[in-house]
């Protein structure tokens, strides 16, 4: 079991109902210890209903995934996400880490991926190892050169089927695959250009435009 020292919270709104604050305080394989609206901690197994329209769909030693009205959010250690599900445009709010970076737990081509928001990257960028883990045959892509912080690098340009962060899921996103020197996936402008970005102190809200 892993106990999360800094509670990771998710604000969930279903329809016009009041928001339910769900905090993860402990994780087991197949189970999660959750606090709902400051009530006493309770252990939920995968498939259990947490609240009306909300259930736990996955849990391991590092994260728990909850589903609200068919939409999913993964809660990871140290991350704080204010996530609203409504009838308006899809959006997600990210919390800056101690270095001021915005990390998002999302999905690429259906596979879980942790991404760093990078407005200086023209496209979403992945390491070769992550691409292979996701089943992407990147060497069929176009080989090009790009300028990076470490100089010019050769990469493979591809098209991702889907990139999802919170409720925002975009399809046919341009991306590049780096064979070396990329510790995080980068959530670059080929995704961010299709959202409105608003920063308020230590929070950044992305809202889908098209």
Protein backbone atom coordinates (compact mmCIF):
# COMPACT_ATOMS: atom_id res chain seq x y z
CA UNK A 1 0.00 0.00 0.00
CA UNK A 2 1.08 3.57 -0.65
CA UNK A 3 -0.29 6.38 1.49
CA UNK A 4 -0.32 9.74 -0.28
CA UNK A 5 1.15 12.41 2.04
CA UNK A 6 -0.32 15.29 0.03
CA UNK A 7 -3.96 14.53 -0.75
CA UNK A 8 -4.69 14.37 -4.45
CA UNK A 9 -8.15 15.81 -5.04
CA UNK A 10 -10.61 15.76 -7.87
CA UNK A 11 -13.60 18.08 -8.08
CA UNK A 12 -16.38 16.33 -9.95
CA UNK A 13 -19.64 17.90 -11.13
CA UNK A 14 -22.31 15.74 -12.75
CA UNK A 15 -25.08 17.68 -14.48
CA UNK A 16 -26.45 20.32 -12.13
CA UNK A 17 -25.78 18.33 -8.96
CA UNK A 18 -23.55 19.70 -6.21
CA UNK A 19 -19.84 19.06 -6.63
CA UNK A 20 -18.37 16.10 -4.78
CA UNK A 21 -14.80 16.40 -3.54
CA UNK A 22 -13.03 13.04 -3.82
CA UNK A 23 -9.61 12.67 -2.23
CA UNK A 24 -7.27 9.67 -2.51
CA UNK A 25 -5.48 8.89 0.76
CA UNK A 26 -4.37 5.30 0.17
CA UNK A 27 -3.78 2.91 -2.72
CA UNK A 28 -3.73 -0.88 -3.03
CA UNK A 29 -3.71 -3.10 -6.10
CA UNK A 30 -7.38 -3.20 -7.04
CA UNK A 31 -8.53 -0.90 -4.22
CA UNK A 32 -8.30 2.74 -3.15
CA UNK A 33 -8.97 4.52 0.15
CA UNK A 34 -11.06 7.62 -0.63
CA UNK A 35 -12.36 10.57 1.35
CA UNK A 36 -15.66 11.96 0.03
CA UNK A 37 -16.58 15.52 1.06
CA UNK A 38 -14.49 15.31 4.26
CA UNK A 39 -16.25 12.14 5.44
CA UNK A 40 -14.30 9.33 7.09
CA UNK A 41 -11.93 7.43 4.76
CA UNK A 42 -13.50 4.41 3.09
CA UNK A 43 -11.97 1.61 1.03
CA UNK A 44 -13.42 1.03 -2.45
CA UNK A 45 -12.70 -1.88 -4.78
CA UNK A 46 -12.59 -1.57 -8.55
CA UNK A 47 -16.17 -1.42 -9.81
CA UNK A 48 -17.61 -0.02 -6.57
CA UNK A 49 -19.91 2.99 -6.76
CA UNK A 50 -18.42 6.04 -5.00
CA UNK A 51 -21.39 8.39 -5.46
CA UNK A 52 -24.30 8.65 -7.88
CA UNK A 53 -22.90 8.22 -11.39
CA UNK A 54 -19.35 7.80 -10.05
CA UNK A 55 -17.31 4.61 -9.62
CA UNK A 56 -13.76 3.42 -9.19
CA UNK A 57 -12.53 1.80 -12.42
CA UNK A 58 -8.81 1.24 -11.74
CA UNK A 59 -6.29 1.37 -8.91
CA UNK A 60 -2.67 0.33 -8.39
CA UNK A 61 0.23 1.44 -6.21
CA UNK A 62 0.57 4.78 -7.97
CA UNK A 63 -2.84 6.03 -9.08
CA UNK A 64 -6.60 5.60 -8.98
CA UNK A 65 -9.02 6.18 -11.86
CA UNK A 66 -12.60 7.25 -11.27
CA UNK A 67 -15.39 7.41 -13.84
CA UNK A 68 -18.18 9.99 -13.72
CA UNK A 69 -21.04 9.56 -16.19
CA UNK A 70 -18.74 7.64 -18.54
CA UNK A 71 -15.82 10.09 -18.32
CA UNK A 72 -12.61 9.14 -16.55
CA UNK A 73 -9.95 10.95 -14.53
CA UNK A 74 -6.75 9.47 -13.12
CA UNK A 75 -5.50 10.80 -9.78
CA UNK A 76 -1.75 10.52 -9.27
CA UNK A 77 0.54 11.20 -6.35
CA UNK A 78 1.25 14.90 -5.89
CA UNK A 79 -1.19 16.05 -8.59
CA UNK A 80 -4.19 18.24 -7.88
CA UNK A 81 -6.86 18.51 -10.57
CA UNK A 82 -10.04 20.52 -10.46
CA UNK A 83 -12.00 18.62 -13.07
CA UNK A 84 -15.49 19.68 -14.05
CA UNK A 85 -17.81 17.54 -16.11
CA UNK A 86 -20.64 19.67 -17.51
CA UNK A 87 -22.62 20.36 -20.64
CA UNK A 88 -20.21 23.16 -21.64
CA UNK A 89 -16.89 22.84 -23.50
CA UNK A 90 -14.59 20.13 -22.16
CA UNK A 91 -11.96 21.50 -19.81
CA UNK A 92 -9.38 20.46 -17.24
CA UNK A 93 -7.51 22.45 -14.59
CA UNK A 94 -3.93 21.50 -13.74
CA UNK A 95 -1.94 22.40 -10.64
CA UNK A 96 1.71 23.50 -10.90
CA UNK A 97 4.28 21.33 -9.14
CA UNK A 98 7.01 22.65 -6.83
CA UNK A 99 9.11 23.73 -9.85
CA UNK A 100 6.22 25.56 -11.51
CA UNK A 101 5.71 22.86 -14.15
CA UNK A 102 2.27 21.64 -15.20
CA UNK A 103 2.10 17.86 -15.45
CA UNK A 104 -0.98 16.15 -16.84
CA UNK A 105 -1.93 12.51 -16.50
CA UNK A 106 -3.66 11.62 -19.75
CA UNK A 107 -3.87 9.13 -22.57
CA UNK A 108 -2.24 8.82 -25.98
CA UNK A 109 -3.83 6.36 -28.41
CA UNK A 110 -5.70 4.94 -25.41
CA UNK A 111 -2.57 4.28 -23.33
CA UNK A 112 -1.82 6.09 -20.07
CA UNK A 113 0.84 8.78 -20.34
CA UNK A 114 2.19 11.50 -18.06
CA UNK A 115 2.81 14.69 -20.03
CA UNK A 116 4.52 18.00 -19.36
CA UNK A 117 2.71 21.06 -20.71
CA UNK A 118 5.27 22.75 -22.99
CA UNK A 119 4.22 25.83 -24.96
CA UNK A 120 7.72 25.92 -26.47
CA UNK A 121 7.21 22.60 -28.24
CA UNK A 122 5.51 22.95 -31.63
CA UNK A 123 4.16 19.39 -31.47
CA UNK A 124 3.38 16.70 -28.94
CA UNK A 125 6.63 14.80 -28.36
CA UNK A 126 7.28 11.27 -27.11
CA UNK A 127 10.33 9.17 -26.42
CA UNK A 128 10.90 6.11 -28.59
CA UNK A 129 10.43 3.83 -25.56
CA UNK A 130 7.03 5.39 -24.78
CA UNK A 131 6.01 5.13 -28.44
CA UNK A 132 6.85 1.43 -28.49
CA UNK A 133 4.99 0.88 -25.21
CA UNK A 134 1.93 2.44 -26.84
CA UNK A 135 2.28 0.23 -29.90
CA UNK A 136 3.31 3.06 -32.23
CA UNK A 137 5.50 1.97 -35.16
CA UNK A 138 7.12 5.38 -35.35
CA UNK A 139 9.81 4.45 -37.87
CA UNK A 140 7.13 4.47 -40.54
CA UNK A 141 6.89 8.21 -39.91
CA UNK A 142 8.73 11.02 -41.69
CA UNK A 143 12.30 11.51 -40.47
CA UNK A 144 13.02 15.23 -39.91
CA UNK A 145 15.34 17.44 -37.85
CA UNK A 146 14.17 19.80 -35.12
CA UNK A 147 15.81 22.36 -32.85
CA UNK A 148 15.82 21.40 -29.17
CA UNK A 149 17.34 22.80 -25.98
CA UNK A 150 20.28 20.43 -26.60
CA UNK A 151 20.71 21.38 -30.25
CA UNK A 152 19.50 19.88 -33.51
CA UNK A 153 18.00 16.39 -33.23
CA UNK A 154 16.67 13.86 -35.72
CA UNK A 155 13.08 12.78 -34.96
CA UNK A 156 10.21 10.93 -36.60
CA UNK A 157 7.06 12.90 -37.39
CA UNK A 158 3.84 10.94 -37.00
CA UNK A 159 0.11 11.45 -36.50
CA UNK A 160 -1.41 10.30 -33.19
CA UNK A 161 -4.92 8.82 -33.31
CA UNK A 162 -5.92 10.56 -30.07
CA UNK A 163 -4.57 12.61 -27.17
CA UNK A 164 -6.71 12.94 -24.05
CA UNK A 165 -6.24 15.13 -20.97
CA UNK A 166 -9.16 15.21 -18.53
CA UNK A 167 -12.35 15.62 -20.57
CA UNK A 168 -10.47 17.00 -23.58
CA UNK A 169 -9.90 14.37 -26.25
CA UNK A 170 -8.48 15.48 -29.59
CA UNK A 171 -7.84 13.29 -32.62
CA UNK A 172 -5.28 13.23 -35.42
CA UNK A 173 -2.63 15.19 -33.50
CA UNK A 174 0.79 15.86 -35.07
CA UNK A 175 3.64 14.50 -32.96
CA UNK A 176 7.35 13.75 -33.07
CA UNK A 177 9.23 10.79 -31.62
CA UNK A 178 12.66 11.36 -30.05
CA UNK A 179 14.95 8.37 -29.82
CA UNK A 180 17.05 9.95 -27.03
CA UNK A 181 16.88 12.58 -24.31
CA UNK A 182 13.19 12.94 -23.51
CA UNK A 183 12.28 12.07 -19.88
CA UNK A 184 8.66 13.22 -20.23
CA UNK A 185 6.13 13.27 -23.02
CA UNK A 186 5.63 16.91 -24.02
CA UNK A 187 2.12 18.28 -24.48
CA UNK A 188 3.03 20.70 -27.25
CA UNK A 189 1.22 23.23 -29.37
CA UNK A 190 -0.28 20.74 -31.85
CA UNK A 191 -2.61 19.92 -28.92
CA UNK A 192 -2.57 23.23 -27.01
CA UNK A 193 -3.44 25.32 -30.09
CA UNK A 194 -6.84 23.65 -30.08
CA UNK A 195 -7.56 24.82 -26.53
CA UNK A 196 -7.91 28.10 -24.69
CA UNK A 197 -5.23 28.31 -21.99
CA UNK A 198 -5.81 30.39 -18.88
CA UNK A 199 -3.38 30.60 -16.00
CA UNK A 200 -4.44 31.79 -12.57
CA UNK A 201 -1.53 31.65 -10.13
CA UNK A 202 -0.56 28.03 -9.65
CA UNK A 203 -3.39 26.70 -11.80
CA UNK A 204 -3.76 26.38 -15.56
CA UNK A 205 -7.13 25.68 -17.18
CA UNK A 206 -7.36 24.21 -20.66
CA UNK A 207 -10.72 24.48 -22.46
CA UNK A 208 -11.35 22.79 -25.80
CA UNK A 209 -11.95 25.17 -28.74
CA UNK A 210 -12.38 22.68 -31.62
